[in-house]
C-alpha atoms as a PDB file:
ATOM      1  CA  MET A   1     -11.295 -15.790 -20.384  1.00  0.00           C
ATOM      2  CA  ASN A   2      -8.094 -15.981 -18.552  1.00  0.00           C
ATOM      3  CA  PRO A   3      -8.184 -13.589 -15.622  1.00  0.00           C
ATOM      4  CA  LEU A   4      -4.543 -12.618 -16.266  1.00  0.00           C
ATOM      5  CA  ASP A   5      -5.639 -11.471 -19.761  1.00  0.00           C
ATOM      6  CA  THR A   6      -7.246  -8.412 -18.525  1.00  0.00           C
ATOM      7  CA  ARG A   7      -5.709  -5.146 -19.004  1.00  0.00           C
ATOM      8  CA  PRO A   8      -6.914  -2.679 -16.663  1.00  0.00           C
ATOM      9  CA  ARG A   9      -5.746   1.422 -16.985  1.00  0.00           C
ATOM     10  CA  SER A  10      -6.863   2.025 -13.513  1.00  0.00           C
ATOM     11  CA  VAL A  11      -6.877  -0.410 -10.229  1.00  0.00           C
ATOM     12  CA  ALA A  12      -7.278   0.246  -6.972  1.00  0.00           C
ATOM     13  CA  LEU A  13      -5.197  -2.018  -4.582  1.00  0.00           C
ATOM     14  CA  ILE A  14      -7.045  -2.702  -1.189  1.00  0.00           C
ATOM     15  CA  GLY A  15      -4.925  -4.086   1.716  1.00  0.00           C
ATOM     16  CA  LEU A  16      -5.954  -4.076   5.152  1.00  0.00           C
ATOM     17  CA  GLY A  17      -4.162  -0.860   7.511  1.00  0.00           C
ATOM     18  CA  PRO A  18      -6.249   1.760   8.692  1.00  0.00           C
ATOM     19  CA  SER A  19      -6.018   4.363   5.141  1.00  0.00           C
ATOM     20  CA  LEU A  20      -8.309   1.336   3.928  1.00  0.00           C
ATOM     21  CA  ARG A  21     -11.075   3.628   5.480  1.00  0.00           C
ATOM     22  CA  GLU A  22      -9.675   6.178   2.218  1.00  0.00           C
ATOM     23  CA  TYR A  23     -10.652   3.594   0.268  1.00  0.00           C
ATOM     24  CA  LEU A  24     -14.276   3.130   1.596  1.00  0.00           C
ATOM     25  CA  HIS A  25     -14.838   7.348   2.205  1.00  0.00           C
ATOM     26  CA  ASP A  26     -14.198   7.476  -1.650  1.00  0.00           C
ATOM     27  CA  SER A  27     -16.167   4.465  -2.592  1.00  0.00           C
ATOM     28  CA  PHE A  28     -19.479   6.293  -0.689  1.00  0.00           C
ATOM     29  CA  ARG A  29     -18.764   9.899  -2.841  1.00  0.00           C
ATOM     30  CA  LYS A  30     -22.331  11.106  -4.313  1.00  0.00           C
ATOM     31  CA  LYS A  31     -20.382  13.752  -6.456  1.00  0.00           C
ATOM     32  CA  ASN A  32     -17.289  13.298  -8.565  1.00  0.00           C
ATOM     33  CA  VAL A  33     -17.869   9.226  -8.039  1.00  0.00           C
ATOM     34  CA  PHE A  34     -14.999   7.027  -7.504  1.00  0.00           C
ATOM     35  CA  HIS A  35     -14.206   4.458 -10.014  1.00  0.00           C
ATOM     36  CA  VAL A  36     -11.616   2.353 -11.160  1.00  0.00           C
ATOM     37  CA  ASP A  37     -11.458  -0.508 -13.918  1.00  0.00           C
ATOM     38  CA  GLU A  38     -10.312  -3.301 -11.259  1.00  0.00           C
ATOM     39  CA  VAL A  39     -10.348  -3.841  -8.031  1.00  0.00           C
ATOM     40  CA  TRP A  40      -7.615  -6.037  -6.570  1.00  0.00           C
ATOM     41  CA  GLY A  41      -7.540  -7.737  -2.567  1.00  0.00           C
ATOM     42  CA  ILE A  42      -4.782  -8.336  -0.713  1.00  0.00           C
ATOM     43  CA  ASN A  43      -5.325 -11.692   1.328  1.00  0.00           C
ATOM     44  CA  THR A  44      -8.775 -10.866   3.304  1.00  0.00           C
ATOM     45  CA  ALA A  45      -9.746  -7.894   1.922  1.00  0.00           C
ATOM     46  CA  HIS A  46     -12.312  -9.274  -0.746  1.00  0.00           C
ATOM     47  CA  ARG A  47     -14.301 -10.706   2.770  1.00  0.00           C
ATOM     48  CA  PRO A  48     -15.952  -6.891   3.615  1.00  0.00           C
ATOM     49  CA  LEU A  49     -15.172  -5.215  -0.337  1.00  0.00           C
ATOM     50  CA  LYS A  50     -16.564  -6.487  -3.665  1.00  0.00           C
ATOM     51  CA  VAL A  51     -12.860  -7.110  -5.527  1.00  0.00           C
ATOM     52  CA  ASP A  52     -11.987  -8.767  -8.785  1.00  0.00           C
ATOM     53  CA  LYS A  53      -8.859 -10.356  -8.069  1.00  0.00           C
ATOM     54  CA  ILE A  54      -8.211 -12.033  -5.238  1.00  0.00           C
ATOM     55  CA  TRP A  55      -4.070 -11.873  -4.331  1.00  0.00           C
ATOM     56  CA  THR A  56      -2.357 -14.267  -1.919  1.00  0.00           C
ATOM     57  CA  MET A  57       1.265 -15.511  -2.409  1.00  0.00           C
ATOM     58  CA  ASP A  58       0.708 -17.845   0.499  1.00  0.00           C
ATOM     59  CA  ASP A  59       1.072 -21.786  -0.623  1.00  0.00           C
ATOM     60  CA  LEU A  60      -2.627 -22.667  -0.175  1.00  0.00           C
ATOM     61  CA  HIS A  61      -2.076 -26.720   0.820  1.00  0.00           C
ATOM     62  CA  GLY A  62       1.014 -25.246   3.506  1.00  0.00           C
ATOM     63  CA  THR A  63       0.808 -22.300   5.525  1.00  0.00           C
ATOM     64  CA  LEU A  64      -2.793 -20.877   4.016  1.00  0.00           C
ATOM     65  CA  SER A  65      -4.360 -24.309   4.997  1.00  0.00           C
ATOM     66  CA  HIS A  66      -2.453 -25.162   7.974  1.00  0.00           C
ATOM     67  CA  ASN A  67      -2.789 -22.601   9.715  1.00  0.00           C
ATOM     68  CA  TYR A  68      -5.616 -20.136   8.594  1.00  0.00           C
ATOM     69  CA  SER A  69      -7.727 -23.424   7.654  1.00  0.00           C
ATOM     70  CA  ASP A  70     -11.073 -21.395   7.632  1.00  0.00           C
ATOM     71  CA  TRP A  71     -10.109 -19.121   4.939  1.00  0.00           C
ATOM     72  CA  ALA A  72      -8.971 -21.895   2.775  1.00  0.00           C
ATOM     73  CA  ASN A  73     -12.258 -23.473   3.007  1.00  0.00           C
ATOM     74  CA  GLU A  74     -13.983 -20.010   2.067  1.00  0.00           C
ATOM     75  CA  LEU A  75     -11.165 -19.849  -0.665  1.00  0.00           C
ATOM     76  CA  ARG A  76     -12.011 -23.015  -1.877  1.00  0.00           C
ATOM     77  CA  LEU A  77     -15.583 -21.913  -3.002  1.00  0.00           C
ATOM     78  CA  GLU A  78     -14.497 -18.633  -4.215  1.00  0.00           C
ATOM     79  CA  THR A  79     -15.552 -17.357  -7.509  1.00  0.00           C
ATOM     80  CA  LYS A  80     -13.754 -14.832  -7.856  1.00  0.00           C
ATOM     81  CA  PRO A  81      -9.676 -15.361  -9.491  1.00  0.00           C
ATOM     82  CA  ILE A  82      -7.228 -16.073  -6.861  1.00  0.00           C
ATOM     83  CA  ILE A  83      -3.449 -14.570  -7.608  1.00  0.00           C
ATOM     84  CA  THR A  84      -0.926 -17.372  -6.075  1.00  0.00           C
ATOM     85  CA  CYS A  85       1.925 -18.729  -6.827  1.00  0.00           C
ATOM     86  CA  LYS A  86       0.433 -21.973  -8.854  1.00  0.00           C
ATOM     87  CA  GLN A  87      -2.985 -23.300  -9.435  1.00  0.00           C
ATOM     88  CA  TYR A  88      -4.869 -26.020  -7.421  1.00  0.00           C
ATOM     89  CA  ASP A  89      -7.103 -27.982  -8.570  1.00  0.00           C
ATOM     90  CA  ASP A  90      -9.210 -27.830  -5.458  1.00  0.00           C
ATOM     91  CA  PHE A  91      -8.773 -24.074  -5.379  1.00  0.00           C
ATOM     92  CA  PRO A  92     -10.752 -23.588  -8.839  1.00  0.00           C
ATOM     93  CA  THR A  93      -9.862 -20.285  -9.599  1.00  0.00           C
ATOM     94  CA  SER A  94      -7.199 -20.397  -8.429  1.00  0.00           C
ATOM     95  CA  VAL A  95      -4.413 -18.674 -11.214  1.00  0.00           C
ATOM     96  CA  ALA A  96      -0.575 -19.022 -11.242  1.00  0.00           C
ATOM     97  CA  TYR A  97       1.104 -15.768 -11.249  1.00  0.00           C
ATOM     98  CA  PRO A  98       3.469 -15.468 -14.541  1.00  0.00           C
ATOM     99  CA  ILE A  99       6.707 -15.093 -12.252  1.00  0.00           C
ATOM    100  CA  ASP A 100       8.967 -16.342 -14.502  1.00  0.00           C
ATOM    101  CA  ALA A 101       7.626 -13.307 -17.044  1.00  0.00           C
ATOM    102  CA  VAL A 102       7.448 -10.176 -14.386  1.00  0.00           C
ATOM    103  CA  GLN A 103      11.043 -11.366 -13.470  1.00  0.00           C
ATOM    104  CA  ASP A 104      12.606 -11.359 -16.976  1.00  0.00           C
ATOM    105  CA  TYR A 105      10.859  -7.700 -17.389  1.00  0.00           C
ATOM    106  CA  TYR A 106      12.014  -6.200 -14.527  1.00  0.00           C
ATOM    107  CA  LYS A 107      15.449  -8.231 -14.428  1.00  0.00           C
ATOM    108  CA  SER A 108      14.496  -7.888 -10.299  1.00  0.00           C
ATOM    109  CA  ASP A 109      13.739 -11.231  -8.096  1.00  0.00           C
ATOM    110  CA  PHE A 110      12.761  -8.693  -5.275  1.00  0.00           C
ATOM    111  CA  PHE A 111       9.685 -10.728  -4.113  1.00  0.00           C
ATOM    112  CA  ASN A 112       9.178 -10.368  -0.547  1.00  0.00           C
ATOM    113  CA  THR A 113       5.259  -9.833   0.382  1.00  0.00           C
ATOM    114  CA  THR A 114       2.235 -10.417  -1.720  1.00  0.00           C
ATOM    115  CA  ILE A 115       2.023  -6.921  -2.065  1.00  0.00           C
ATOM    116  CA  ALA A 116       5.168  -6.744  -4.126  1.00  0.00           C
ATOM    117  CA  TYR A 117       4.338  -9.018  -6.456  1.00  0.00           C
ATOM    118  CA  ALA A 118       0.738  -7.026  -6.857  1.00  0.00           C
ATOM    119  CA  LEU A 119       2.941  -4.097  -7.707  1.00  0.00           C
ATOM    120  CA  ALA A 120       5.164  -5.264 -10.103  1.00  0.00           C
ATOM    121  CA  TYR A 121       1.812  -7.080 -11.583  1.00  0.00           C
ATOM    122  CA  ALA A 122       0.347  -3.477 -12.394  1.00  0.00           C
ATOM    123  CA  GLY A 123       3.373  -2.195 -13.937  1.00  0.00           C
ATOM    124  CA  PHE A 124       3.943  -5.638 -16.208  1.00  0.00           C
ATOM    125  CA  ILE A 125       0.476  -5.334 -17.610  1.00  0.00           C
ATOM    126  CA  GLY A 126       0.471  -1.489 -18.203  1.00  0.00           C
ATOM    127  CA  VAL A 127      -1.618  -0.171 -15.371  1.00  0.00           C
ATOM    128  CA  GLU A 128      -1.715   3.481 -16.137  1.00  0.00           C
ATOM    129  CA  THR A 129      -3.013   4.994 -12.498  1.00  0.00           C
ATOM    130  CA  LEU A 130      -2.835   2.562  -9.222  1.00  0.00           C
ATOM    131  CA  TYR A 131      -5.064   3.760  -6.655  1.00  0.00           C
ATOM    132  CA  ILE A 132      -3.603   2.335  -2.668  1.00  0.00           C
ATOM    133  CA  TYR A 133      -5.635   1.948  -0.206  1.00  0.00           C
ATOM    134  CA  GLY A 134      -4.562  -0.087   3.280  1.00  0.00           C
ATOM    135  CA  ILE A 135      -0.888  -0.415   2.301  1.00  0.00           C
ATOM    136  CA  ASP A 136       0.677   1.309   5.319  1.00  0.00           C
ATOM    137  CA  PHE A 137       2.876  -0.983   7.038  1.00  0.00           C
ATOM    138  CA  TYR A 138       3.493   1.287  10.270  1.00  0.00           C
ATOM    139  CA  TYR A 139       1.003   3.268  12.828  1.00  0.00           C
ATOM    140  CA  PRO A 140       1.726   6.418  14.778  1.00  0.00           C
ATOM    141  CA  ASN A 141       3.045   5.833  18.256  1.00  0.00           C
ATOM    142  CA  ALA A 142       3.942   2.077  17.442  1.00  0.00           C
ATOM    143  CA  GLN A 143       6.997   0.306  18.195  1.00  0.00           C
ATOM    144  CA  MET A 144       7.553  -1.778  14.892  1.00  0.00           C
ATOM    145  CA  VAL A 145       6.917  -1.654  11.513  1.00  0.00           C
ATOM    146  CA  GLU A 146       5.339  -4.500   9.572  1.00  0.00           C
ATOM    147  CA  SER A 147       7.638  -6.452   7.252  1.00  0.00           C
ATOM    148  CA  GLY A 148       7.506  -5.516   3.619  1.00  0.00           C
ATOM    149  CA  LEU A 149       7.963  -1.960   3.605  1.00  0.00           C
ATOM    150  CA  GLY A 150      11.313  -2.042   1.341  1.00  0.00           C
ATOM    151  CA  GLY A 151       9.852  -4.060  -1.033  1.00  0.00           C
ATOM    152  CA  ALA A 152       6.574  -2.001  -1.521  1.00  0.00           C
ATOM    153  CA  SER A 153       9.171   1.107  -1.552  1.00  0.00           C
ATOM    154  CA  TYR A 154      10.995  -0.556  -4.303  1.00  0.00           C
ATOM    155  CA  TRP A 155       8.424  -1.517  -6.559  1.00  0.00           C
ATOM    156  CA  LEU A 156       6.723   1.812  -6.281  1.00  0.00           C
ATOM    157  CA  GLY A 157       9.802   3.144  -7.847  1.00  0.00           C
ATOM    158  CA  ARG A 158       9.939   0.407 -10.109  1.00  0.00           C
ATOM    159  CA  ILE A 159       6.626   0.738 -11.590  1.00  0.00           C
ATOM    160  CA  GLU A 160       6.983   4.670 -11.388  1.00  0.00           C
ATOM    161  CA  GLU A 161       9.808   4.530 -14.408  1.00  0.00           C
ATOM    162  CA  LYS A 162       7.226   2.512 -16.125  1.00  0.00           C
ATOM    163  CA  GLY A 163       4.371   4.936 -16.489  1.00  0.00           C
ATOM    164  CA  VAL A 164       2.374   3.923 -13.589  1.00  0.00           C
ATOM    165  CA  ARG A 165       0.760   6.768 -11.247  1.00  0.00           C
ATOM    166  CA  TYR A 166      -0.162   5.728  -8.219  1.00  0.00           C
ATOM    167  CA  LYS A 167      -1.867   7.569  -5.613  1.00  0.00           C
ATOM    168  CA  ILE A 168      -1.827   7.080  -1.905  1.00  0.00           C
ATOM    169  CA  PRO A 169      -4.153   8.564   0.728  1.00  0.00           C
ATOM    170  CA  ALA A 170      -2.263  11.429   2.870  1.00  0.00           C
ATOM    171  CA  SER A 171      -3.662   9.274   6.288  1.00  0.00           C
ATOM    172  CA  SER A 172      -1.210   6.620   4.678  1.00  0.00           C
ATOM    173  CA  THR A 173       2.092   6.051   6.155  1.00  0.00           C
ATOM    174  CA  LEU A 174       3.431   4.311   3.040  1.00  0.00           C
ATOM    175  CA  LEU A 175       6.049   6.721   1.261  1.00  0.00           C
ATOM    176  CA  ASP A 176       5.624   9.527   4.605  1.00  0.00           C
ATOM    177  CA  ALA A 177       2.526  10.227   2.438  1.00  0.00           C
ATOM    178  CA  HIS A 178       1.413  11.358   5.672  1.00  0.00           C
ATOM    179  CA  MET A 179       3.639  14.285   5.855  1.00  0.00           C
ATOM    180  CA  THR A 180       2.195  15.609   2.773  1.00  0.00           C
ATOM    181  CA  GLN A 181       1.879  19.315   3.299  1.00  0.00           C
ATOM    182  CA  PHE A 182      -1.125  21.106   0.793  1.00  0.00           C
ATOM    183  CA  ASP A 183      -0.131  24.984  -0.119  1.00  0.00           C
ATOM    184  CA  GLU A 184      -1.981  27.161  -2.011  1.00  0.00           C
ATOM    185  CA  LYS A 185      -1.224  27.779  -5.483  1.00  0.00           C
ATOM    186  CA  ASP A 186      -3.625  29.726  -8.504  1.00  0.00           C
ATOM    187  CA  GLY A 187      -5.996  29.188  -5.947  1.00  0.00           C
ATOM    188  CA  ARG A 188      -5.784  25.247  -5.556  1.00  0.00           C
ATOM    189  CA  HIS A 189      -4.499  23.079  -2.906  1.00  0.00           C
ATOM    190  CA  VAL A 190      -1.107  21.474  -4.114  1.00  0.00           C
ATOM    191  CA  ALA A 191       0.154  18.941  -2.583  1.00  0.00           C
ATOM    192  CA  ARG A 192       4.289  18.813  -1.385  1.00  0.00           C
ATOM    193  CA  ARG A 193       5.999  16.057   0.141  1.00  0.00           C
ATOM    194  CA  MET A 194       7.808  17.047   3.798  1.00  0.00           C
ATOM    195  CA  ARG A 195      11.594  16.900   2.583  1.00  0.00           C
ATOM    196  CA  TYR A 196      14.253  15.855   5.820  1.00  0.00           C
ATOM    197  CA  GLY A 197      17.079  18.225   6.575  1.00  0.00           C
ATOM    198  CA  TYR A 198      14.788  21.078   4.197  1.00  0.00           C
ATOM    199  CA  ASP A 199      11.428  21.135   5.585  1.00  0.00           C
ATOM    200  CA  TYR A 200      11.862  19.284   9.255  1.00  0.00           C
ATOM    201  CA  ASN A 201      14.315  18.140  11.208  1.00  0.00           C
ATOM    202  CA  PRO A 202      14.061  15.843  14.365  1.00  0.00           C
ATOM    203  CA  GLN A 203      16.934  16.860  16.484  1.00  0.00           C
ATOM    204  CA  ASP A 204      16.301  20.607  16.301  1.00  0.00           C
ATOM    205  CA  ALA A 205      12.656  19.754  17.132  1.00  0.00           C
ATOM    206  CA  LYS A 206      13.513  17.607  20.125  1.00  0.00           C
ATOM    207  CA  ARG A 207      16.421  20.506  21.277  1.00  0.00           C
ATOM    208  CA  LYS A 208      13.405  23.321  21.283  1.00  0.00           C
ATOM    209  CA  VAL A 209      11.153  21.363  23.168  1.00  0.00           C
ATOM    210  CA  GLN A 210      14.490  20.765  26.356  1.00  0.00           C
ATOM    211  CA  MET A 211      14.651  24.259  25.448  1.00  0.00           C
ATOM    212  CA  GLY A 212      10.992  25.361  26.441  1.00  0.00           C
ATOM    213  CA  SER A 213      10.918  26.602  22.592  1.00  0.00           C
ATOM    214  CA  GLU A 214       8.796  24.940  20.846  1.00  0.00           C
ATOM    215  CA  ASP A 215       7.690  25.283  17.053  1.00  0.00           C
ATOM    216  CA  PRO A 216       4.504  24.238  16.386  1.00  0.00           C
ATOM    217  CA  ALA A 217       5.017  23.441  13.139  1.00  0.00           C
ATOM    218  CA  LEU A 218       8.555  21.599  12.911  1.00  0.00           C
ATOM    219  CA  ILE A 219       7.474  19.853  16.020  1.00  0.00           C
ATOM    220  CA  ALA A 220       4.366  18.515  14.373  1.00  0.00           C
ATOM    221  CA  ALA A 221       6.577  17.505  11.322  1.00  0.00           C
ATOM    222  CA  ALA A 222       8.901  15.643  13.600  1.00  0.00           C
ATOM    223  CA  GLY A 223       6.320  13.497  15.638  1.00  0.00           C
ATOM    224  CA  LYS A 224       4.913  12.724  12.107  1.00  0.00           C
ATOM    225  CA  ALA A 225       8.364  11.311  10.661  1.00  0.00           C
ATOM    226  CA  TYR A 226       9.271   9.535  14.469  1.00  0.00           C
ATOM    227  CA  LYS A 227       5.440   7.528  14.605  1.00  0.00           C
ATOM    228  CA  THR A 228       4.727  10.022  17.732  1.00  0.00           C
ATOM    229  CA  ASP A 229       2.141  12.623  18.711  1.00  0.00           C
ATOM    230  CA  ASN A 230       4.445  13.511  21.784  1.00  0.00           C
ATOM    231  CA  PRO A 231       7.597  14.976  20.237  1.00  0.00           C
ATOM    232  CA  LYS A 232       8.962  14.489  24.167  1.00  0.00           C
ATOM    233  CA  ASP A 233       9.359  10.875  23.736  1.00  0.00           C
ATOM    234  CA  GLU A 234      12.341   8.877  23.382  1.00  0.00           C
ATOM    235  CA  VAL A 235      11.850   7.762  19.765  1.00  0.00           C
ATOM    236  CA  LEU A 236      13.331  10.481  18.334  1.00  0.00           C
ATOM    237  CA  PRO A 237      16.536  10.058  17.808  1.00  0.00           C
ATOM    238  CA  LYS A 238      18.894  10.967  20.755  1.00  0.00           C
END
């Protein structure tokens, strides 16, 4: 059976960022057991985790073999499907990504990371629920953002239009999930995304710090928005 013939209704997409730990937490539960039809691992996520498909859109003979020869040798012996740019005879389980069909489906060619390809494919095959772990791109107090955030954000919007419900851990910075607030409503905790201008304003937070009048909730929101635990840091807008 061609690995691309499967049609999972639920998928866990696993990257290597800090929110990966939430996948481990969910997987270890003894009650309300976490289950998905397939687990897709980005790059080396297949090493520590059991996955159904490995995703790496690098040239297996070029970039990957030259820069990561040990990993390339592992993939040559891999038994799980490797979704990549084309089929390679010396990587027996490699499978060519259906690039033409996916591009035609979305009328878009914005693919800037392996994650972008995987997200687009989820919408293409009709995944209903996509759990996203370890795909974070930027981190508190970091001075740089990993490349690919724009592509991931773009494709999350596109696949949502196609009916995919995605779930991001509250610890992840993807789509500012780490800024989610939980309100009490009818005895339940309801998630609410913080809105710039309505729910927080970093400029006001910084001014209040300078004046010595701190609003803890506002300061906390500004700190999360601008990747710092200390709102006095100059990473806040001037």
